[in-house]
C-alpha atoms as a PDB file:
ATOM      1  CA  MET A   1     -12.572  14.535 -17.551  1.00  0.00           C
ATOM      2  CA  VAL A   2     -13.456  18.110 -16.656  1.00  0.00           C
ATOM      3  CA  ALA A   3     -16.886  17.856 -18.305  1.00  0.00           C
ATOM      4  CA  PRO A   4     -17.922  14.726 -16.340  1.00  0.00           C
ATOM      5  CA  ALA A   5     -16.572  16.349 -13.170  1.00  0.00           C
ATOM      6  CA  LEU A   6     -18.716  19.412 -13.808  1.00  0.00           C
ATOM      7  CA  GLU A   7     -21.735  17.153 -14.350  1.00  0.00           C
ATOM      8  CA  ALA A   8     -20.926  15.386 -11.083  1.00  0.00           C
ATOM      9  CA  ARG A   9     -20.810  18.773  -9.354  1.00  0.00           C
ATOM     10  CA  GLU A  10     -24.365  19.414 -10.566  1.00  0.00           C
ATOM     11  CA  LEU A  11     -25.503  16.021  -9.236  1.00  0.00           C
ATOM     12  CA  LEU A  12     -23.953  16.896  -5.890  1.00  0.00           C
ATOM     13  CA  ARG A  13     -25.471  20.380  -5.920  1.00  0.00           C
ATOM     14  CA  ALA A  14     -28.921  18.772  -6.306  1.00  0.00           C
ATOM     15  CA  GLU A  15     -28.205  16.985  -3.015  1.00  0.00           C
ATOM     16  CA  GLY A  16     -27.110  20.188  -1.283  1.00  0.00           C
ATOM     17  CA  ILE A  17     -23.369  19.502  -1.582  1.00  0.00           C
ATOM     18  CA  ASP A  18     -21.138  22.324  -2.795  1.00  0.00           C
ATOM     19  CA  ALA A  19     -18.122  21.014  -4.711  1.00  0.00           C
ATOM     20  CA  ALA A  20     -15.281  22.786  -6.497  1.00  0.00           C
ATOM     21  CA  VAL A  21     -13.852  21.569  -9.796  1.00  0.00           C
ATOM     22  CA  LEU A  22     -10.267  22.438 -10.646  1.00  0.00           C
ATOM     23  CA  ASN A  23      -8.871  21.877 -14.125  1.00  0.00           C
ATOM     24  CA  ILE A  24      -5.387  20.559 -13.459  1.00  0.00           C
ATOM     25  CA  HIS A  25      -4.270  20.324 -17.065  1.00  0.00           C
ATOM     26  CA  THR A  26      -0.623  19.489 -16.390  1.00  0.00           C
ATOM     27  CA  ILE A  27       0.990  17.167 -13.891  1.00  0.00           C
ATOM     28  CA  LYS A  28       4.370  18.794 -14.361  1.00  0.00           C
ATOM     29  CA  PRO A  29       4.502  21.503 -13.383  1.00  0.00           C
ATOM     30  CA  LEU A  30       1.782  20.776 -10.849  1.00  0.00           C
ATOM     31  CA  ASP A  31       0.053  23.778  -9.284  1.00  0.00           C
ATOM     32  CA  GLU A  32       0.678  22.649  -5.712  1.00  0.00           C
ATOM     33  CA  GLU A  33      -0.282  26.016  -4.244  1.00  0.00           C
ATOM     34  CA  LEU A  34      -3.758  25.869  -5.829  1.00  0.00           C
ATOM     35  CA  ILE A  35      -4.279  22.241  -4.835  1.00  0.00           C
ATOM     36  CA  CYS A  36      -3.220  22.847  -1.228  1.00  0.00           C
ATOM     37  CA  SER A  37      -5.428  25.928  -1.084  1.00  0.00           C
ATOM     38  CA  TYR A  38      -8.482  23.888  -2.068  1.00  0.00           C
ATOM     39  CA  ALA A  39      -7.475  21.036   0.209  1.00  0.00           C
ATOM     40  CA  ASN A  40      -7.609  23.532   3.086  1.00  0.00           C
ATOM     41  CA  LYS A  41     -10.958  24.935   1.926  1.00  0.00           C
ATOM     42  CA  THR A  42     -12.714  21.629   1.288  1.00  0.00           C
ATOM     43  CA  GLY A  43     -11.077  19.138   3.634  1.00  0.00           C
ATOM     44  CA  ALA A  44     -11.043  16.386   0.981  1.00  0.00           C
ATOM     45  CA  ILE A  45      -9.999  15.870  -2.627  1.00  0.00           C
ATOM     46  CA  VAL A  46     -11.223  13.606  -5.423  1.00  0.00           C
ATOM     47  CA  THR A  47      -9.049  13.385  -8.513  1.00  0.00           C
ATOM     48  CA  VAL A  48     -10.505  12.289 -11.848  1.00  0.00           C
ATOM     49  CA  GLU A  49      -8.474  11.093 -14.816  1.00  0.00           C
ATOM     50  CA  GLU A  50      -8.726   8.902 -17.910  1.00  0.00           C
ATOM     51  CA  HIS A  51      -5.539   7.195 -16.836  1.00  0.00           C
ATOM     52  CA  ASN A  52      -4.283   4.512 -14.535  1.00  0.00           C
ATOM     53  CA  ILE A  53      -4.630   5.796 -10.985  1.00  0.00           C
ATOM     54  CA  ILE A  54      -1.031   4.739 -10.351  1.00  0.00           C
ATOM     55  CA  GLY A  55       1.494   7.311 -11.483  1.00  0.00           C
ATOM     56  CA  GLY A  56      -1.000   9.861 -12.724  1.00  0.00           C
ATOM     57  CA  LEU A  57      -2.758  12.953 -11.450  1.00  0.00           C
ATOM     58  CA  GLY A  58      -4.028  11.297  -8.274  1.00  0.00           C
ATOM     59  CA  SER A  59      -0.551  10.157  -7.297  1.00  0.00           C
ATOM     60  CA  ALA A  60       0.899  13.598  -7.981  1.00  0.00           C
ATOM     61  CA  VAL A  61      -1.809  15.278  -5.897  1.00  0.00           C
ATOM     62  CA  CYS A  62      -1.215  12.849  -3.017  1.00  0.00           C
ATOM     63  CA  GLU A  63       2.486  13.627  -3.082  1.00  0.00           C
ATOM     64  CA  ALA A  64       1.829  17.369  -3.212  1.00  0.00           C
ATOM     65  CA  ILE A  65      -0.463  17.536  -0.199  1.00  0.00           C
ATOM     66  CA  CYS A  66       0.765  14.741   2.064  1.00  0.00           C
ATOM     67  CA  GLY A  67       3.253  16.895   3.941  1.00  0.00           C
ATOM     68  CA  LYS A  68       1.532  20.252   3.587  1.00  0.00           C
ATOM     69  CA  THR A  69      -2.213  19.759   3.848  1.00  0.00           C
ATOM     70  CA  PRO A  70      -3.058  16.150   4.673  1.00  0.00           C
ATOM     71  CA  VAL A  71      -6.686  15.501   3.755  1.00  0.00           C
ATOM     72  CA  PRO A  72      -8.464  12.420   2.395  1.00  0.00           C
ATOM     73  CA  VAL A  73      -7.785  11.916  -1.331  1.00  0.00           C
ATOM     74  CA  LEU A  74      -9.844   9.517  -3.403  1.00  0.00           C
ATOM     75  CA  ARG A  75      -8.948   8.785  -6.998  1.00  0.00           C
ATOM     76  CA  VAL A  76     -11.281   8.132  -9.912  1.00  0.00           C
ATOM     77  CA  GLY A  77      -9.491   6.533 -12.829  1.00  0.00           C
ATOM     78  CA  VAL A  78      -8.514   3.237 -14.322  1.00  0.00           C
ATOM     79  CA  GLU A  79      -8.021   0.850 -11.412  1.00  0.00           C
ATOM     80  CA  ASP A  80      -4.697  -0.640 -12.599  1.00  0.00           C
ATOM     81  CA  ARG A  81      -6.121  -3.192 -14.997  1.00  0.00           C
ATOM     82  CA  PHE A  82      -5.560  -4.034 -18.606  1.00  0.00           C
ATOM     83  CA  GLY A  83      -7.153  -1.680 -21.102  1.00  0.00           C
ATOM     84  CA  ARG A  84     -10.077  -2.489 -23.318  1.00  0.00           C
ATOM     85  CA  SER A  85     -11.132  -0.960 -26.568  1.00  0.00           C
ATOM     86  CA  GLY A  86     -14.594  -0.096 -27.771  1.00  0.00           C
ATOM     87  CA  LYS A  87     -17.054   2.755 -27.945  1.00  0.00           C
ATOM     88  CA  VAL A  88     -16.443   5.568 -25.491  1.00  0.00           C
ATOM     89  CA  PRO A  89     -19.679   5.631 -23.419  1.00  0.00           C
ATOM     90  CA  PRO A  90     -19.553   1.920 -22.481  1.00  0.00           C
ATOM     91  CA  LEU A  91     -15.840   2.187 -21.705  1.00  0.00           C
ATOM     92  CA  LEU A  92     -16.393   5.179 -19.429  1.00  0.00           C
ATOM     93  CA  GLU A  93     -19.070   3.176 -17.618  1.00  0.00           C
ATOM     94  CA  TYR A  94     -16.835   0.095 -17.403  1.00  0.00           C
ATOM     95  CA  TYR A  95     -13.976   2.068 -15.874  1.00  0.00           C
ATOM     96  CA  GLY A  96     -16.200   4.095 -13.528  1.00  0.00           C
ATOM     97  CA  LEU A  97     -15.493   7.406 -15.243  1.00  0.00           C
ATOM     98  CA  THR A  98     -19.073   8.694 -15.248  1.00  0.00           C
ATOM     99  CA  PRO A  99     -20.530  11.720 -13.459  1.00  0.00           C
ATOM    100  CA  ALA A 100     -22.545   9.430 -11.165  1.00  0.00           C
ATOM    101  CA  HIS A 101     -19.447   7.495 -10.127  1.00  0.00           C
ATOM    102  CA  ILE A 102     -17.484  10.701  -9.578  1.00  0.00           C
ATOM    103  CA  ALA A 103     -20.300  12.059  -7.388  1.00  0.00           C
ATOM    104  CA  GLU A 104     -20.310   8.856  -5.318  1.00  0.00           C
ATOM    105  CA  LYS A 105     -16.545   9.139  -4.746  1.00  0.00           C
ATOM    106  CA  CYS A 106     -17.046  12.730  -3.644  1.00  0.00           C
ATOM    107  CA  LYS A 107     -19.656  11.669  -1.098  1.00  0.00           C
ATOM    108  CA  ALA A 108     -17.288   8.971   0.167  1.00  0.00           C
ATOM    109  CA  ALA A 109     -14.513  11.577   0.540  1.00  0.00           C
ATOM    110  CA  ILE A 110     -16.852  13.819   2.534  1.00  0.00           C
ATOM    111  CA  LYS A 111     -17.623  10.945   4.924  1.00  0.00           C
ATOM    112  CA  MET A 112     -13.898  10.310   5.385  1.00  0.00           C
ATOM    113  CA  LYS A 113     -13.163  13.848   6.516  1.00  0.00           C
ATOM    114  CA  LYS A 114     -15.643  13.777   9.373  1.00  0.00           C
END
């Protein structure tokens, strides 16, 4: 999901919003120091994963920052529903895993931190 996140960053940049994209390629070990550092810098976090939002990257990030750097965290991922099969682009759209959806979550996170 790094590529769609980078595309979302470009959509946000076009609106004057500067966003950072971190490639968190492992949940264990989780780079808590890096995540907390960016939580401090940005004031909000949006996680993106091709996974159920329960028990994945978003959950791990929430656990990592909740006691150290509490900021709003929004998660983009499969919203705890049964999986479907099919061609990738329609599935990404169905599950809200597109750059446009990621950008919208980022804007919602920004509103939450104010």
